[in-house]
Amino acid sequence: MRIVTALLLALTASAVHAAPEDIADNAPDSYTVQKGDTLWGISGRFLKQPTRWPEVWRMNRDQIRNPHLIYPGQVVVLDRLAGTLSIGSQDSGVAGGTVRLSPQVYSTPVDNPIASVPMDVIRPFLTEPLVDEQPDSPNLPSVVAVQQERIVASLGDTVFARYLQPGIDNWQIYRRAAPIRDPRTNQILAFEAQYVGAARTTSLITPGVSTALQVIDSREEVNISDRMVPMTKVDSFNYPPHAPPAGINGHIATIYGGVGETGRYGVVTFNIGKQQGLEPGHVFAIYRSREPVVYRSEGRPETHIIPEARYGIAYVFRVFNRISYALIMNADVPVRPGDAVRAP
């Protein structure tokens, strides 16, 4: 348990605020953050649209990318007159609809700041390799041999790899799998990276010499030629939900796991990524894409365009160059590949 101390200064009024109709029904005047809460969940207590979160917290773009962390035990206070949210203390007063905050030092014992969305759902997608966007090259870090001239390795076995970067001890092992295609053009955007396991170096990484590693995690047997990337670790994920820039539109390319449809807390890929301006925390509305229908009247065919219908919300949590991964936060009908996504 550690003590996190944050200097909380009085916040001035802002021209950007939430109108009364933006405030959620039965929104509380204040809420004490609990362990297990998320930014999305807290936003839903106060606001009808989670994408208004940065506005009513008066965050600029730099603060969205490097947000002020919120911890269990802190108090979120709603100023109904200004239409803003702030971090207060247990004795913050609410009088006549106005919250009075004064400069103070606020300390609370915490383990970790709260995450934006449920970490138990997205953690594997943040730490494991998901896609391989690099051209297929023999110079990528890869497994070249297994101990005792075996063909495959499993937990506890020794493998040997080439082209590893010095100074990195822990590596993830993956295998290039099925292509991810644009649902509209059929163009290959990337390849799925099938997570195989993890390994830790047991010998020095020396240029031109194969490095020995011990397999410390094994989801599948490790094969010769499997690829390797440095291991990543994510303890928390704190990008506030916010709307993407206007004009960014895309489609759902795949449902993770190769299934045909998904629902709440399912993971999907978009056919848009960093090249189109996406970043973690962007929230997209999902629309059912419908093909034109042909109606025959008195023997004459008539083509009619069926309007799209909005049915869900998705939160982007990991972004690559040409694709991104998003978590379905809610959906009225099953989510399918090919459906459109755009700013809510």
Foldseek 3Di string as FASTA:
>chain_A
DDKDKDWFADDDFDPFADAPVFFDVPQDQKDAAAPPDALQNNCVSTGPDLQCQCRQQVHDPVCLVVPDFAFGGWMWGAQNVRRHIDTAHPPFDADPSGTDHHTDMDMDDGDDTHAHDRCVLCVVVVWFAFWAQDDDDPLAKFWAAWPPRDFWAFAFTKTWIADDDFPFFKKWWWAFAAFQAAPVPRHGRTTTTHTAFMWGWPDGHDHPDITMTGTHTGPDIGGGGTGMDGTDHDDHHHRRAHAFDAPDKWWFRAWPPRDFWDWAFTKTKTQAFVQSPDDFRHKKWWWAADDWDWDADPNDTDTDHDDIDTFFMWGWHAGDHGMTMIGTHGGPDIGGTPIMIHTD
